[in-house]
Amino acid sequence: MQKSLFDQPLLPQRLKVLWSEAGTDNQNKEACYARQQAAIGEYAGAWTDALRLPDHSSLTQSLCRELGDLTGCPDLAEVERRCRSAMHQMKKDWEETVREGDGNSVVKYYDSSSHYADELMWWHTLEEDTSPLAYVCALHLALQNGCTDALDFGAGVGAGALLFHRHGLNVTLADISSTLLDFSRRRLRARGVTATLLDLKTGGSPDGAYDFITAMDVFEHIAEPEKTVDVLAAALRPGGILFGRFSAEQDEDRPSHIALDFTPTFQRLKELGFEECWRDEWLWGHQAFRKG
């Protein structure tokens, strides 16, 4: 019997083994590439099944339609135009809103930006890159470890919550942006999905409530990410797993990447008894740490 997707090793490990056996023969490399694309396609299938609305065949069309419905824009061409220009608009918003060294202005930026949902929804179409599939990798790890209660810290537009909910996990979404939380709340309600939403400006997550926490592309947006580790450690049960990406590079198109040195973050994880239990060395560079 063929193994189900989540009974197999995680995708980065499968691909690392695949290419380690490729050798130097070009024909063999072509076969490996075909197998790699098929394997990525399996993760993309899980992602699409969770996000695509039932009456759409295309993930891109579905997400654009959903975004248009939630923002009152029935013109799909206009929705796509907004999505494609969102990164430029977000950079402009940052430059107009954020003052160096002023944490309150950073909070204001995230809380009020009207372009963030556009940028995230377009990213989730997989049209430009496959890195959102790291969420499927996180789900895969959670299922293999028998996790049941997940917190998506920096939940954005709620895609991770939809994926985790589809596979039976209880999900809490946390974000500093009231705009994104409202978007996620309306999105989940329209789909009949039950989840808890936390506004990080007004309160934190309950202690020991979760056995799996995702922080996907979050830490680079935080001035002192090592302090956030304390918050997440308190929310995580002993033996629970923190899954995230703890790296970033300077990017002139993304001035919101304000943390680039994660040495203090790794040090704080060690001080709090976390040990690395998984690392993606092949695709997107995420890591997982288990709380002792």
Protein backbone atom coordinates (compact mmCIF):
# COMPACT_ATOMS: atom_id res chain seq x y z
CA MET A 1 0.00 0.00 0.00
CA GLN A 2 1.30 3.48 -0.88
CA LYS A 3 2.11 5.62 2.12
CA SER A 4 -0.05 8.68 2.66
CA LEU A 5 1.69 12.04 2.36
CA PHE A 6 2.03 12.58 6.10
CA ASP A 7 3.27 9.04 6.80
CA GLN A 8 6.41 9.75 4.76
CA PRO A 9 9.45 11.74 5.89
CA LEU A 10 9.11 15.51 5.62
CA LEU A 11 9.61 16.87 2.12
CA PRO A 12 13.05 18.51 2.64
CA GLN A 13 14.42 15.22 3.98
CA ARG A 14 12.96 13.27 1.06
CA LEU A 15 14.53 15.65 -1.44
CA LYS A 16 17.90 15.64 0.32
CA VAL A 17 18.01 11.85 0.07
CA LEU A 18 16.78 11.94 -3.52
CA TRP A 19 19.53 14.27 -4.69
CA SER A 20 22.23 12.58 -2.66
CA GLU A 21 21.61 9.54 -4.83
CA ALA A 22 21.45 11.45 -8.12
CA GLY A 23 25.12 11.16 -9.02
CA THR A 24 26.53 13.00 -12.03
CA ASP A 25 24.52 11.40 -14.84
CA ASN A 26 22.37 14.08 -16.53
CA GLN A 27 19.58 11.64 -17.33
CA ASN A 28 19.43 10.60 -13.71
CA LYS A 29 19.35 14.26 -12.67
CA GLU A 30 16.41 14.88 -14.98
CA ALA A 31 14.58 11.98 -13.39
CA CYS A 32 15.37 13.33 -9.91
CA TYR A 33 14.09 16.75 -10.90
CA ALA A 34 10.84 15.22 -12.13
CA ARG A 35 10.46 13.33 -8.85
CA GLN A 36 11.22 16.52 -6.92
CA GLN A 37 8.51 18.44 -8.75
CA ALA A 38 6.05 15.63 -8.12
CA ALA A 39 6.89 15.63 -4.40
CA ILE A 40 6.50 19.41 -4.15
CA GLY A 41 3.23 18.97 -6.01
CA GLU A 42 1.98 16.70 -3.22
CA TYR A 43 2.55 19.46 -0.67
CA ALA A 44 0.97 21.96 -3.06
CA GLY A 45 -2.03 19.66 -3.31
CA ALA A 46 -2.51 19.65 0.46
CA TRP A 47 -2.16 23.45 0.51
CA THR A 48 -4.63 23.89 -2.34
CA ASP A 49 -7.17 21.51 -0.84
CA ALA A 50 -7.22 23.60 2.34
CA LEU A 51 -7.35 27.05 0.73
CA ARG A 52 -9.26 26.68 -2.53
CA LEU A 53 -13.00 27.29 -2.35
CA PRO A 54 -15.20 24.39 -3.52
CA ASP A 55 -16.53 26.09 -6.66
CA HIS A 56 -13.09 26.95 -8.12
CA SER A 57 -10.61 24.80 -10.02
CA SER A 58 -7.73 27.30 -9.74
CA LEU A 59 -6.12 28.27 -6.43
CA THR A 60 -5.17 31.68 -7.81
CA GLN A 61 -8.67 32.43 -9.04
CA SER A 62 -10.15 31.21 -5.77
CA LEU A 63 -7.90 33.35 -3.58
CA CYS A 64 -8.44 36.43 -5.76
CA ARG A 65 -12.22 35.90 -5.65
CA GLU A 66 -12.13 35.43 -1.88
CA LEU A 67 -9.99 38.54 -1.44
CA GLY A 68 -12.35 40.51 -3.66
CA ASP A 69 -15.38 39.32 -1.70
CA LEU A 70 -13.80 40.21 1.64
CA THR A 71 -12.67 43.66 0.48
CA GLY A 72 -15.68 44.59 -1.63
CA CYS A 73 -13.94 44.42 -5.02
CA PRO A 74 -15.75 42.17 -7.54
CA ASP A 75 -13.31 42.97 -10.37
CA LEU A 76 -10.79 40.10 -10.36
CA ALA A 77 -8.44 41.96 -12.69
CA GLU A 78 -8.34 44.85 -10.24
CA VAL A 79 -7.78 42.46 -7.33
CA GLU A 80 -4.80 40.92 -9.13
CA ARG A 81 -3.42 44.37 -9.97
CA ARG A 82 -3.64 45.31 -6.29
CA CYS A 83 -1.92 42.10 -5.29
CA ARG A 84 0.94 42.52 -7.74
CA SER A 85 1.59 46.09 -6.58
CA ALA A 86 1.15 45.36 -2.87
CA MET A 87 4.85 44.98 -2.03
CA HIS A 88 5.62 48.41 -3.51
CA GLN A 89 2.70 49.94 -1.61
CA MET A 90 3.80 48.28 1.65
CA LYS A 91 7.30 49.71 1.27
CA LYS A 92 5.77 53.14 0.71
CA ASP A 93 3.56 52.73 3.80
CA TRP A 94 6.59 51.75 5.88
CA GLU A 95 8.59 54.76 4.75
CA GLU A 96 5.66 57.09 5.49
CA THR A 97 4.70 55.55 8.85
CA VAL A 98 7.75 54.14 10.63
CA ARG A 99 10.29 56.32 12.42
CA GLU A 100 13.62 54.72 13.28
CA GLY A 101 13.75 53.58 16.89
CA ASP A 102 10.02 54.20 17.43
CA GLY A 103 8.34 50.91 18.26
CA ASN A 104 4.91 52.49 18.36
CA SER A 105 5.20 53.55 14.73
CA VAL A 106 6.04 49.96 13.77
CA VAL A 107 2.91 48.74 15.56
CA LYS A 108 0.90 51.44 13.77
CA TYR A 109 2.24 50.26 10.42
CA TYR A 110 1.16 46.66 10.95
CA ASP A 111 -2.10 47.68 12.53
CA SER A 112 -3.23 49.92 9.70
CA SER A 113 -1.66 48.72 6.44
CA SER A 114 -4.39 47.97 3.92
CA HIS A 115 -2.00 46.24 1.52
CA TYR A 116 -0.75 43.41 3.72
CA ALA A 117 -3.70 41.12 2.99
CA ASP A 118 -3.25 41.68 -0.75
CA GLU A 119 0.44 40.75 -0.59
CA LEU A 120 -0.11 37.66 1.55
CA MET A 121 -3.05 36.33 -0.44
CA TRP A 122 -1.05 36.64 -3.67
CA TRP A 123 1.98 34.95 -2.09
CA HIS A 124 -0.28 32.08 -1.07
CA THR A 125 -1.29 31.45 -4.69
CA LEU A 126 2.19 29.92 -5.22
CA GLU A 127 2.40 31.86 -8.49
CA GLU A 128 5.81 33.30 -7.66
CA ASP A 129 7.39 30.86 -5.22
CA THR A 130 6.60 27.75 -3.22
CA SER A 131 7.80 28.92 0.20
CA PRO A 132 4.26 29.10 1.66
CA LEU A 133 4.39 25.30 1.51
CA ALA A 134 6.58 25.47 4.61
CA TYR A 135 3.21 25.61 6.39
CA VAL A 136 2.52 22.10 5.04
CA CYS A 137 5.93 21.06 6.32
CA ALA A 138 4.96 22.41 9.75
CA LEU A 139 1.66 20.55 9.66
CA HIS A 140 3.51 17.38 8.64
CA LEU A 141 5.81 17.68 11.66
CA ALA A 142 2.88 18.44 13.98
CA LEU A 143 0.95 15.39 12.82
CA GLN A 144 3.98 13.11 13.12
CA ASN A 145 4.39 14.27 16.73
CA GLY A 146 0.73 13.84 17.64
CA CYS A 147 0.14 17.55 18.26
CA THR A 148 -3.45 18.75 18.70
CA ASP A 149 -3.40 22.41 19.79
CA ALA A 150 -1.65 24.89 17.53
CA LEU A 151 -0.89 28.60 17.80
CA ASP A 152 -0.05 30.48 14.61
CA PHE A 153 1.94 33.45 15.89
CA GLY A 154 1.86 36.19 13.28
CA ALA A 155 -1.08 34.50 11.55
CA GLY A 156 -1.53 37.02 8.75
CA VAL A 157 -4.58 36.16 6.62
CA GLY A 158 -5.30 32.86 8.35
CA ALA A 159 -4.01 30.43 5.71
CA GLY A 160 -2.11 28.36 8.27
CA ALA A 161 -5.21 28.13 10.41
CA LEU A 162 -7.27 26.85 7.47
CA LEU A 163 -4.64 24.20 6.71
CA PHE A 164 -4.29 23.03 10.30
CA HIS A 165 -8.05 23.06 10.90
CA ARG A 166 -8.61 20.91 7.82
CA HIS A 167 -6.35 18.27 9.33
CA GLY A 168 -8.06 18.22 12.71
CA LEU A 169 -5.97 20.52 14.90
CA ASN A 170 -7.41 23.13 17.24
CA VAL A 171 -6.07 26.48 16.05
CA THR A 172 -5.45 29.89 17.61
CA LEU A 173 -4.42 32.85 15.46
CA ALA A 174 -2.34 35.64 17.01
CA ASP A 175 -1.26 38.86 15.35
CA ILE A 176 -0.39 42.45 16.17
CA SER A 177 -2.45 43.74 13.24
CA SER A 178 -6.10 44.45 13.96
CA THR A 179 -6.61 44.81 10.21
CA LEU A 180 -5.33 41.30 9.50
CA LEU A 181 -7.16 39.79 12.46
CA ASP A 182 -10.42 41.28 11.22
CA PHE A 183 -9.72 39.92 7.75
CA SER A 184 -8.99 36.45 9.16
CA ARG A 185 -12.06 36.55 11.39
CA ARG A 186 -14.34 37.30 8.44
CA ARG A 187 -12.55 34.78 6.24
CA LEU A 188 -12.88 31.94 8.73
CA ARG A 189 -16.48 32.84 9.53
CA ALA A 190 -17.40 32.74 5.83
CA ARG A 191 -15.91 29.24 5.64
CA GLY A 192 -17.58 28.03 8.83
CA VAL A 193 -14.24 27.51 10.58
CA THR A 194 -14.05 27.88 14.34
CA ALA A 195 -10.84 29.29 15.81
CA THR A 196 -9.61 31.60 18.55
CA LEU A 197 -8.08 34.94 17.58
CA LEU A 198 -5.71 36.92 19.82
CA ASP A 199 -4.77 40.57 19.37
CA LEU A 200 -1.20 40.78 20.64
CA LYS A 201 -1.58 44.51 21.34
CA THR A 202 -4.15 43.87 24.04
CA GLY A 203 -3.14 40.53 25.47
CA GLY A 204 -0.93 37.49 25.21
CA SER A 205 -1.54 33.82 24.73
CA PRO A 206 -2.44 31.65 27.73
CA ASP A 207 0.38 29.77 29.44
CA GLY A 208 0.87 26.13 28.48
CA ALA A 209 -2.05 26.10 26.06
CA TYR A 210 -0.31 24.71 22.96
CA ASP A 211 1.82 21.78 21.90
CA PHE A 212 2.75 23.31 18.52
CA ILE A 213 3.54 26.93 17.63
CA THR A 214 4.31 28.29 14.18
CA ALA A 215 6.09 31.61 13.70
CA MET A 216 6.41 31.72 9.93
CA ASP A 217 8.55 34.58 8.61
CA VAL A 218 7.83 36.54 11.79
CA PHE A 219 11.06 36.98 13.75
CA GLU A 220 12.72 39.24 11.19
CA HIS A 221 9.89 41.74 11.71
CA ILE A 222 10.53 42.05 15.46
CA ALA A 223 13.14 44.45 16.83
CA GLU A 224 14.13 42.13 19.71
CA PRO A 225 13.01 38.62 18.72
CA GLU A 226 14.72 37.05 21.73
CA LYS A 227 12.06 38.66 23.94
CA THR A 228 9.35 37.04 21.85
CA VAL A 229 10.93 33.67 22.59
CA ASP A 230 9.96 34.15 26.26
CA VAL A 231 6.33 34.75 25.30
CA LEU A 232 6.19 31.68 23.08
CA ALA A 233 8.00 29.51 25.61
CA ALA A 234 5.37 30.34 28.21
CA ALA A 235 2.56 29.46 25.80
CA LEU A 236 4.13 26.11 24.87
CA ARG A 237 3.69 22.94 26.91
CA PRO A 238 6.73 20.90 27.95
CA GLY A 239 7.69 18.76 24.98
CA GLY A 240 5.92 21.11 22.59
CA ILE A 241 7.47 22.34 19.34
CA LEU A 242 8.24 25.82 18.04
CA PHE A 243 8.50 25.90 14.23
CA GLY A 244 9.78 28.98 12.41
CA ARG A 245 12.38 30.59 10.20
CA PHE A 246 15.16 32.23 12.16
CA SER A 247 17.06 33.95 9.37
CA ALA A 248 16.70 36.96 7.10
CA GLU A 249 18.70 39.10 4.73
CA GLN A 250 18.70 42.81 4.07
CA ASP A 251 16.05 43.47 1.41
CA GLU A 252 15.51 46.95 0.04
CA ASP A 253 11.99 45.95 -1.06
CA ARG A 254 11.14 44.79 2.48
CA PRO A 255 12.30 47.46 4.95
CA SER A 256 10.17 45.74 7.59
CA HIS A 257 12.97 43.15 7.92
CA ILE A 258 14.48 44.87 10.94
CA ALA A 259 16.12 41.87 12.66
CA LEU A 260 19.01 40.20 10.87
CA ASP A 261 21.15 38.78 13.70
CA PHE A 262 19.44 35.87 15.44
CA THR A 263 22.32 34.88 17.70
CA PRO A 264 20.54 36.29 20.80
CA THR A 265 17.40 34.42 19.77
CA PHE A 266 19.17 31.08 19.57
CA GLN A 267 20.92 31.82 22.88
CA ARG A 268 17.60 32.54 24.57
CA LEU A 269 16.08 29.34 23.21
CA LYS A 270 18.99 27.40 24.69
CA GLU A 271 18.66 29.18 28.05
CA LEU A 272 14.99 28.23 28.19
CA GLY A 273 15.73 24.57 27.56
CA PHE A 274 14.82 24.31 23.88
CA GLU A 275 16.67 21.86 21.66
CA GLU A 276 16.60 21.77 17.90
CA CYS A 277 14.60 18.72 16.80
CA TRP A 278 14.35 19.33 13.05
CA ARG A 279 15.96 21.49 10.37
CA ASP A 280 15.17 22.10 6.70
CA GLU A 281 18.52 21.96 4.95
CA TRP A 282 17.12 21.73 1.45
CA LEU A 283 14.20 24.02 0.66
CA TRP A 284 13.14 26.98 2.82
CA GLY A 285 15.45 26.92 5.85
CA HIS A 286 12.97 26.54 8.67
CA GLN A 287 13.86 25.01 12.03
CA ALA A 288 11.95 23.37 14.84
CA PHE A 289 12.82 23.46 18.54
CA ARG A 290 11.38 21.24 21.23
CA LYS A 291 10.75 22.66 24.69
CA GLY A 292 12.39 20.63 27.45
